[in-house]
Amino acid sequence: MRKLLRYAPLAVGLVLVLGWLLFLRPVALGGATSYTVVSGDSMDPTLQQNDFIVMRAQDEYRIGDVVTYRIPDGDPGAGHAIVHRLIGGDAETGFVTQGDNNPEPDPWKPKPEDIMGRLELQVGGAGAWLMYLRSPLAVGMLAAGLSAYFVLGGQPRRPATAPA
């Protein structure tokens, strides 16, 4: 039993890595998952400023889905990511989208190839922490801390033993 418990952390680590590979691998690494931080209030109260959201690409999208899409090429703002709800249209002619807190639909009609994914997970406020961790101040503090650690020795010194 003791021998099995010794390998438990390795088994848990392998399960976590496999789960990440199968379900959370980002598009940049060949997966179907996208991550973003919400900015603005167009999706209040469903999504709020600084929410961290996870989207997964789907084979098809339905009216009512909250999706992230890129503004199509040739349109003003092309390439920017928008998080809104599908309220009409279809895959053939393009979807009609609108923020839950917006009075009018969006001027763009994204097609499935413009859609990055459907909302799968929302972590309220976590985006503020993530944005801070990416800030120059946080990166500088980490670099300074690591530098101090290595300059000051990093490892506790063992007391010298007298020769016998």
Protein backbone atom coordinates (compact mmCIF):
# COMPACT_ATOMS: atom_id res chain seq x y z
CA MET A 1 0.00 0.00 0.00
CA ARG A 2 2.84 2.36 0.87
CA LYS A 3 4.40 1.78 -2.53
CA LEU A 4 1.11 2.69 -4.27
CA LEU A 5 0.82 5.92 -2.29
CA ARG A 6 4.32 6.86 -3.40
CA TYR A 7 3.14 6.91 -7.03
CA ALA A 8 -0.15 8.74 -6.35
CA PRO A 9 1.23 12.24 -7.11
CA LEU A 10 2.58 11.00 -10.43
CA ALA A 11 -0.77 9.41 -11.32
CA VAL A 12 -2.67 12.57 -10.38
CA GLY A 13 -0.24 14.66 -12.44
CA LEU A 14 -0.69 12.41 -15.47
CA VAL A 15 -4.49 12.59 -15.19
CA LEU A 16 -4.33 16.40 -14.99
CA VAL A 17 -2.03 16.65 -18.02
CA LEU A 18 -4.24 14.27 -20.02
CA GLY A 19 -7.35 16.24 -19.03
CA TRP A 20 -5.69 19.47 -20.13
CA LEU A 21 -4.61 17.92 -23.43
CA LEU A 22 -8.10 16.63 -24.15
CA PHE A 23 -10.30 19.47 -22.87
CA LEU A 24 -8.39 22.69 -22.21
CA ARG A 25 -5.59 22.85 -24.79
CA PRO A 26 -5.67 26.28 -26.46
CA VAL A 27 -6.19 26.79 -30.18
CA ALA A 28 -2.57 27.95 -30.54
CA LEU A 29 -1.49 24.44 -29.47
CA GLY A 30 -3.96 22.59 -31.69
CA GLY A 31 -6.85 22.47 -29.23
CA ALA A 32 -10.40 23.80 -29.43
CA THR A 33 -10.31 26.09 -26.38
CA SER A 34 -9.95 29.86 -26.25
CA TYR A 35 -9.50 32.06 -23.20
CA THR A 36 -10.24 35.73 -22.73
CA VAL A 37 -10.91 38.42 -20.15
CA VAL A 38 -14.17 40.36 -20.53
CA SER A 39 -13.81 44.10 -21.02
CA GLY A 40 -16.80 46.40 -21.03
CA ASP A 41 -20.36 46.04 -19.80
CA SER A 42 -22.22 44.96 -22.95
CA MET A 43 -22.96 41.51 -21.48
CA ASP A 44 -24.12 42.66 -18.01
CA PRO A 45 -25.46 40.93 -15.96
CA THR A 46 -24.41 37.62 -17.59
CA LEU A 47 -20.74 38.56 -17.88
CA GLN A 48 -19.02 41.44 -16.14
CA GLN A 49 -15.85 43.45 -16.54
CA ASN A 50 -12.75 41.34 -15.73
CA ASP A 51 -14.51 37.96 -15.79
CA PHE A 52 -12.18 35.25 -17.10
CA ILE A 53 -14.00 33.08 -19.63
CA VAL A 54 -13.26 29.81 -21.39
CA MET A 55 -14.80 29.08 -24.81
CA ARG A 56 -14.77 25.86 -26.82
CA ALA A 57 -15.23 25.59 -30.56
CA GLN A 58 -18.40 23.71 -31.53
CA ASP A 59 -19.54 21.89 -34.65
CA GLU A 60 -22.65 24.06 -34.68
CA TYR A 61 -23.95 27.07 -32.81
CA ARG A 62 -27.52 27.77 -31.72
CA ILE A 63 -29.57 30.86 -31.00
CA GLY A 64 -29.07 31.74 -27.34
CA ASP A 65 -25.40 30.66 -27.19
CA VAL A 66 -22.94 33.18 -25.80
CA VAL A 67 -20.00 33.15 -28.21
CA THR A 68 -16.76 34.95 -28.85
CA TYR A 69 -16.19 35.94 -32.46
CA ARG A 70 -13.70 37.98 -34.40
CA ILE A 71 -15.01 40.92 -36.40
CA PRO A 72 -14.80 39.73 -40.03
CA ASP A 73 -12.11 41.06 -42.37
CA GLY A 74 -13.15 44.12 -44.32
CA ASP A 75 -15.39 45.43 -41.52
CA PRO A 76 -14.44 48.31 -39.20
CA GLY A 77 -12.64 46.83 -36.20
CA ALA A 78 -11.65 43.69 -38.12
CA GLY A 79 -9.92 41.10 -35.95
CA HIS A 80 -11.18 42.36 -32.58
CA ALA A 81 -12.86 39.73 -30.39
CA ILE A 82 -16.46 40.32 -29.30
CA VAL A 83 -18.32 38.30 -26.63
CA HIS A 84 -22.08 38.45 -27.34
CA ARG A 85 -25.17 36.26 -27.57
CA LEU A 86 -26.53 34.77 -30.82
CA ILE A 87 -30.05 36.16 -31.22
CA GLY A 88 -30.85 35.29 -34.82
CA GLY A 89 -29.56 34.37 -38.26
CA ASP A 90 -27.90 31.12 -39.19
CA ALA A 91 -24.58 29.60 -40.21
CA GLU A 92 -25.32 30.14 -43.92
CA THR A 93 -26.12 33.88 -43.94
CA GLY A 94 -24.35 34.83 -40.71
CA PHE A 95 -25.57 35.11 -37.14
CA VAL A 96 -27.17 38.16 -35.57
CA THR A 97 -25.46 38.95 -32.26
CA GLN A 98 -26.20 41.33 -29.44
CA GLY A 99 -24.86 42.05 -25.98
CA ASP A 100 -27.33 41.35 -23.18
CA ASN A 101 -26.95 44.97 -22.05
CA ASN A 102 -27.08 46.53 -25.54
CA PRO A 103 -30.27 48.04 -26.98
CA GLU A 104 -29.44 47.11 -30.60
CA PRO A 105 -27.92 44.11 -32.41
CA ASP A 106 -24.31 44.26 -33.57
CA PRO A 107 -23.62 45.53 -37.11
CA TRP A 108 -21.58 42.39 -37.91
CA LYS A 109 -22.97 39.03 -39.00
CA PRO A 110 -20.32 36.47 -38.07
CA LYS A 111 -20.28 33.08 -39.76
CA PRO A 112 -19.08 29.90 -38.02
CA GLU A 113 -15.51 30.43 -39.24
CA ASP A 114 -15.46 33.80 -37.41
CA ILE A 115 -16.61 32.25 -34.12
CA MET A 116 -13.87 31.26 -31.68
CA GLY A 117 -16.15 29.27 -29.42
CA ARG A 118 -19.16 29.03 -27.12
CA LEU A 119 -18.96 30.08 -23.48
CA GLU A 120 -18.19 27.03 -21.33
CA LEU A 121 -16.81 28.47 -18.09
CA GLN A 122 -16.82 31.83 -16.35
CA VAL A 123 -14.67 32.80 -13.37
CA GLY A 124 -15.91 36.10 -11.99
CA GLY A 125 -13.23 38.74 -11.48
CA ALA A 126 -10.30 36.38 -12.15
CA GLY A 127 -9.34 38.37 -15.22
CA ALA A 128 -8.21 41.30 -13.07
CA TRP A 129 -5.68 39.04 -11.33
CA LEU A 130 -4.49 37.57 -14.62
CA MET A 131 -4.06 41.00 -16.15
CA TYR A 132 -2.06 42.10 -13.08
CA LEU A 133 0.21 39.05 -13.37
CA ARG A 134 0.96 40.08 -16.97
CA SER A 135 1.77 43.67 -15.99
CA PRO A 136 5.35 44.99 -16.11
CA LEU A 137 5.22 45.60 -12.34
CA ALA A 138 4.39 41.97 -11.53
CA VAL A 139 6.95 40.61 -14.02
CA GLY A 140 9.59 42.98 -12.60
CA MET A 141 8.81 41.91 -9.02
CA LEU A 142 9.10 38.25 -10.01
CA ALA A 143 12.42 38.88 -11.78
CA ALA A 144 13.76 40.83 -8.79
CA GLY A 145 12.68 38.09 -6.39
CA LEU A 146 14.28 35.34 -8.45
CA SER A 147 17.46 37.39 -8.86
CA ALA A 148 17.70 37.98 -5.12
CA TYR A 149 17.11 34.30 -4.46
CA PHE A 150 19.95 33.20 -6.72
CA VAL A 151 22.35 36.01 -5.76
CA LEU A 152 21.87 35.31 -2.06
CA GLY A 153 22.56 31.64 -2.50
CA GLY A 154 19.15 30.06 -2.94
CA GLN A 155 20.00 27.04 -0.81
CA PRO A 156 20.47 27.14 2.94
CA ARG A 157 24.09 26.55 3.77
CA ARG A 158 25.06 23.61 5.86
CA PRO A 159 27.34 24.33 8.76
CA ALA A 160 30.88 23.22 8.15
CA THR A 161 31.86 20.14 10.05
CA ALA A 162 35.18 19.87 11.74
CA PRO A 163 37.51 17.26 10.29
CA ALA A 164 37.62 14.11 12.34
